[in-house]
Amino acid sequence: MRQARHDGLAVLLISADLDELIGLSDTIRVMLRGRLVSEADPATVTPEELGSAMTGAGDSDGDAAGEVEDA
């Protein structure tokens, strides 16, 4: 995967291992119930913040993982 990314290819990684997601991703987007609910910077997001976004437990003021607003 890292070689493909290095070669400029897009890679979609789906995983429940949050440390793996953070370590391998350039950007992180979280979908919940078929909707994009969060965007996160892997350089700053924590596994706890991602877990909150994944379960819908993030606060309504916009969690640290970066809540996505409806367009």
C-alpha atoms as a PDB file:
ATOM      1  CA  MET A   1       0.000   0.000   0.000  1.00  0.00           C
ATOM      2  CA  ARG A   2       2.771   2.421   0.846  1.00  0.00           C
ATOM      3  CA  GLN A   3       4.459   1.789  -2.513  1.00  0.00           C
ATOM      4  CA  ALA A   4       1.175   2.368  -4.369  1.00  0.00           C
ATOM      5  CA  ARG A   5       0.691   5.627  -2.479  1.00  0.00           C
ATOM      6  CA  HIS A   6       4.279   6.623  -3.211  1.00  0.00           C
ATOM      7  CA  ASP A   7       3.630   5.914  -6.900  1.00  0.00           C
ATOM      8  CA  GLY A   8       0.721   8.366  -6.842  1.00  0.00           C
ATOM      9  CA  LEU A   9      -2.104   5.830  -6.795  1.00  0.00           C
ATOM     10  CA  ALA A  10      -5.199   6.354  -4.680  1.00  0.00           C
ATOM     11  CA  VAL A  11      -5.655   3.751  -1.959  1.00  0.00           C
ATOM     12  CA  LEU A  12      -8.882   3.222  -0.043  1.00  0.00           C
ATOM     13  CA  LEU A  13      -8.164   1.648   3.327  1.00  0.00           C
ATOM     14  CA  ILE A  14     -11.016   0.311   5.433  1.00  0.00           C
ATOM     15  CA  SER A  15     -10.023  -0.921   8.870  1.00  0.00           C
ATOM     16  CA  ALA A  16     -11.230  -1.139  12.449  1.00  0.00           C
ATOM     17  CA  ASP A  17      -7.611  -0.817  13.634  1.00  0.00           C
ATOM     18  CA  LEU A  18      -7.481   2.899  14.400  1.00  0.00           C
ATOM     19  CA  ASP A  19      -3.711   3.005  14.934  1.00  0.00           C
ATOM     20  CA  GLU A  20      -3.272   1.376  11.514  1.00  0.00           C
ATOM     21  CA  LEU A  21      -5.601   3.932   9.905  1.00  0.00           C
ATOM     22  CA  ILE A  22      -3.738   6.826  11.490  1.00  0.00           C
ATOM     23  CA  GLY A  23      -0.328   5.406  10.572  1.00  0.00           C
ATOM     24  CA  LEU A  24      -1.105   4.660   6.919  1.00  0.00           C
ATOM     25  CA  SER A  25      -3.420   7.515   5.930  1.00  0.00           C
ATOM     26  CA  ASP A  26      -2.816  10.897   4.325  1.00  0.00           C
ATOM     27  CA  THR A  27      -6.396  11.909   5.131  1.00  0.00           C
ATOM     28  CA  ILE A  28      -9.140  10.180   7.100  1.00  0.00           C
ATOM     29  CA  ARG A  29     -12.854  10.361   6.390  1.00  0.00           C
ATOM     30  CA  VAL A  30     -15.406   8.674   8.634  1.00  0.00           C
ATOM     31  CA  MET A  31     -18.730   7.369   7.364  1.00  0.00           C
ATOM     32  CA  LEU A  32     -21.566   6.520   9.742  1.00  0.00           C
ATOM     33  CA  ARG A  33     -24.894   5.092   8.610  1.00  0.00           C
ATOM     34  CA  GLY A  34     -24.023   5.817   4.972  1.00  0.00           C
ATOM     35  CA  ARG A  35     -23.098   9.477   5.533  1.00  0.00           C
ATOM     36  CA  LEU A  36     -19.748  11.228   5.668  1.00  0.00           C
ATOM     37  CA  VAL A  37     -19.651  12.502   9.255  1.00  0.00           C
ATOM     38  CA  SER A  38     -16.045  13.462   9.917  1.00  0.00           C
ATOM     39  CA  GLU A  39     -12.710  14.380   8.340  1.00  0.00           C
ATOM     40  CA  ALA A  40      -9.491  14.038  10.294  1.00  0.00           C
ATOM     41  CA  ASP A  41      -5.829  14.865   9.902  1.00  0.00           C
ATOM     42  CA  PRO A  42      -3.844  11.731  10.774  1.00  0.00           C
ATOM     43  CA  ALA A  43      -1.008  13.924  12.074  1.00  0.00           C
ATOM     44  CA  THR A  44      -3.189  15.254  14.892  1.00  0.00           C
ATOM     45  CA  VAL A  45      -6.192  12.957  15.424  1.00  0.00           C
ATOM     46  CA  THR A  46      -6.251  10.435  18.266  1.00  0.00           C
ATOM     47  CA  PRO A  47      -7.762   6.947  18.216  1.00  0.00           C
ATOM     48  CA  GLU A  48     -10.275   8.155  20.813  1.00  0.00           C
ATOM     49  CA  GLU A  49     -11.441  10.995  18.551  1.00  0.00           C
ATOM     50  CA  LEU A  50     -11.825   8.627  15.604  1.00  0.00           C
ATOM     51  CA  GLY A  51     -13.716   6.140  17.749  1.00  0.00           C
ATOM     52  CA  SER A  52     -16.116   8.866  18.842  1.00  0.00           C
ATOM     53  CA  ALA A  53     -16.734   9.880  15.239  1.00  0.00           C
ATOM     54  CA  MET A  54     -17.222   6.247  14.178  1.00  0.00           C
ATOM     55  CA  THR A  55     -19.884   5.665  16.833  1.00  0.00           C
ATOM     56  CA  GLY A  56     -21.591   9.049  16.605  1.00  0.00           C
ATOM     57  CA  ALA A  57     -20.432   9.955  20.106  1.00  0.00           C
ATOM     58  CA  GLY A  58     -18.555  13.130  19.019  1.00  0.00           C
ATOM     59  CA  ASP A  59     -19.825  16.335  20.601  1.00  0.00           C
ATOM     60  CA  SER A  60     -22.246  18.506  18.651  1.00  0.00           C
ATOM     61  CA  ASP A  61     -19.908  21.528  18.631  1.00  0.00           C
ATOM     62  CA  GLY A  62     -17.609  19.775  16.158  1.00  0.00           C
ATOM     63  CA  ASP A  63     -15.263  17.142  17.482  1.00  0.00           C
ATOM     64  CA  ALA A  64     -11.507  17.260  17.132  1.00  0.00           C
ATOM     65  CA  ALA A  65     -11.717  14.801  14.252  1.00  0.00           C
ATOM     66  CA  GLY A  66     -13.393  17.536  12.216  1.00  0.00           C
ATOM     67  CA  GLU A  67     -17.140  17.311  11.833  1.00  0.00           C
ATOM     68  CA  VAL A  68     -18.382  17.532   8.245  1.00  0.00           C
ATOM     69  CA  GLU A  69     -21.209  19.964   7.570  1.00  0.00           C
ATOM     70  CA  ASP A  70     -24.028  19.166   5.142  1.00  0.00           C
ATOM     71  CA  ALA A  71     -23.615  20.841   1.775  1.00  0.00           C
END
